[in-house]
Amino acid sequence: MDFDRDKLQQQAENLAAQGVFIGTSSWKYPGWCGMLYDPARYEYRGKFAQTRFNRDCLTEYAGVFKTVCVDAAYYNFPSQPYLEGLVSQTPVDFLFGLKVTDKITIKKFPNLRPFRAVGREAQ
């Protein structure tokens, strides 16, 4: 199956113009190199540079999609400098969705299976 990055970008842009924002749960997936990401941008001395990828891939992601989820917010709400760094890598019309922190979901939904104490029987 061929991946058409340009076609996807155009479809996402057309939908965003109608108020429908399509994106993914995160943007840091090295497995998307060669499809969404240009692998040459993240090579250093002939090898994949994870640090470079983590630092720079959001800009390339935002060239296709108009929104993304910030998974990190689930564990600890991001600092203002972190959020400003994200915003600086994206166009002005780009939207971020942030996961609700576990400090809220665990307190509000303590009986959901993922939040139960280990070894506790299902209710």
Protein backbone atom coordinates (compact mmCIF):
# COMPACT_ATOMS: atom_id res chain seq x y z
CA MET A 1 0.00 0.00 0.00
CA ASP A 2 1.45 3.35 -1.02
CA PHE A 3 1.39 6.29 1.34
CA ASP A 4 0.65 9.61 -0.34
CA ARG A 5 1.86 12.28 2.09
CA ASP A 6 0.81 15.18 -0.15
CA LYS A 7 -2.69 13.81 -0.61
CA LEU A 8 -3.08 13.28 3.14
CA GLN A 9 -1.86 16.83 3.80
CA GLN A 10 -4.40 18.24 1.33
CA GLN A 11 -7.25 16.19 2.80
CA ALA A 12 -6.35 17.24 6.36
CA GLU A 13 -6.18 20.88 5.28
CA ASN A 14 -9.55 20.69 3.51
CA LEU A 15 -11.18 19.14 6.57
CA ALA A 16 -9.61 21.70 8.91
CA ALA A 17 -11.07 24.48 6.76
CA GLN A 18 -14.47 22.94 7.58
CA GLY A 19 -13.70 22.74 11.31
CA VAL A 20 -12.74 19.05 11.36
CA PHE A 21 -9.21 18.52 12.66
CA ILE A 22 -7.52 15.21 11.95
CA GLY A 23 -4.38 14.20 13.80
CA THR A 24 -2.81 11.43 15.84
CA SER A 25 -2.23 10.63 19.50
CA SER A 26 1.40 11.75 19.29
CA TRP A 27 3.98 12.78 16.72
CA LYS A 28 7.19 11.02 17.82
CA TYR A 29 7.02 7.76 15.87
CA PRO A 30 10.30 6.94 14.09
CA GLY A 31 8.40 4.19 12.25
CA TRP A 32 6.78 6.91 10.17
CA CYS A 33 10.14 7.78 8.61
CA GLY A 34 9.88 7.28 4.89
CA MET A 35 6.14 8.03 4.94
CA LEU A 36 5.34 11.06 7.06
CA TYR A 37 8.93 11.97 7.89
CA ASP A 38 11.96 12.38 5.63
CA PRO A 39 14.55 10.02 7.14
CA ALA A 40 17.43 12.10 5.77
CA ARG A 41 16.47 14.95 8.14
CA TYR A 42 17.20 12.74 11.14
CA GLU A 43 20.46 11.12 10.14
CA TYR A 44 23.78 11.92 11.71
CA ARG A 45 26.92 10.19 10.52
CA GLY A 46 24.83 7.63 8.67
CA LYS A 47 22.64 6.68 11.66
CA PHE A 48 19.20 7.66 12.90
CA ALA A 49 19.59 10.46 15.46
CA GLN A 50 16.79 9.97 18.01
CA THR A 51 17.54 13.24 19.80
CA ARG A 52 17.33 15.20 16.55
CA PHE A 53 14.13 13.40 15.63
CA ASN A 54 12.50 14.10 19.01
CA ARG A 55 13.51 17.75 18.81
CA ASP A 56 12.51 18.46 15.19
CA CYS A 57 9.81 16.07 13.96
CA LEU A 58 6.84 18.10 15.23
CA THR A 59 7.53 20.76 12.60
CA GLU A 60 7.43 18.15 9.85
CA TYR A 61 4.31 16.53 11.36
CA ALA A 62 2.55 19.91 11.42
CA GLY A 63 3.21 20.23 7.71
CA VAL A 64 0.66 17.45 7.17
CA PHE A 65 -1.73 17.40 10.11
CA LYS A 66 -3.45 20.34 11.81
CA THR A 67 -3.70 18.84 15.31
CA VAL A 68 -2.03 16.38 17.68
CA CYS A 69 -2.53 15.04 21.18
CA VAL A 70 0.10 15.82 23.81
CA ASP A 71 0.32 12.51 25.67
CA ALA A 72 2.79 13.91 28.21
CA ALA A 73 0.00 15.90 29.86
CA TYR A 74 -1.43 12.66 31.25
CA TYR A 75 1.50 12.11 33.59
CA ASN A 76 2.38 15.69 34.46
CA PHE A 77 0.87 18.86 33.09
CA PRO A 78 3.48 20.39 30.78
CA SER A 79 5.37 23.49 31.84
CA GLN A 80 4.87 26.79 30.07
CA PRO A 81 8.33 26.61 28.40
CA TYR A 82 7.52 23.10 27.08
CA LEU A 83 4.18 24.28 25.66
CA GLU A 84 5.78 27.38 24.17
CA GLY A 85 8.37 25.13 22.53
CA LEU A 86 5.62 23.06 20.93
CA VAL A 87 3.76 26.12 19.70
CA SER A 88 6.96 27.57 18.22
CA GLN A 89 7.28 24.50 15.96
CA THR A 90 3.79 24.68 14.48
CA PRO A 91 1.76 27.07 12.32
CA VAL A 92 -0.64 29.50 13.94
CA ASP A 93 -3.69 27.43 12.89
CA PHE A 94 -2.38 24.22 14.51
CA LEU A 95 -4.35 22.81 17.47
CA PHE A 96 -3.11 20.78 20.43
CA GLY A 97 -5.23 18.36 22.44
CA LEU A 98 -3.91 17.54 25.90
CA LYS A 99 -4.78 14.38 27.75
CA VAL A 100 -6.46 14.87 31.09
CA THR A 101 -3.90 14.26 33.81
CA ASP A 102 -4.01 11.05 35.82
CA LYS A 103 -4.34 13.22 38.94
CA ILE A 104 -7.92 13.88 37.80
CA THR A 105 -8.88 10.61 36.13
CA ILE A 106 -7.60 8.34 38.90
CA LYS A 107 -9.45 10.32 41.57
CA LYS A 108 -12.62 10.54 39.51
CA PHE A 109 -12.61 6.98 38.15
CA PRO A 110 -10.77 4.82 40.74
CA ASN A 111 -12.65 1.62 39.86
CA LEU A 112 -11.61 1.51 36.23
CA ARG A 113 -9.37 -1.50 35.65
CA PRO A 114 -6.16 0.43 34.72
CA PHE A 115 -6.26 2.38 37.98
CA ARG A 116 -6.91 -0.40 40.48
CA ALA A 117 -4.23 -1.57 42.84
CA VAL A 118 -2.23 -4.51 41.56
CA GLY A 119 -3.71 -7.80 42.73
CA ARG A 120 -7.10 -6.35 43.49
CA GLU A 121 -9.96 -8.44 42.16
CA ALA A 122 -12.24 -7.02 39.47
CA GLN A 123 -15.51 -5.75 40.85
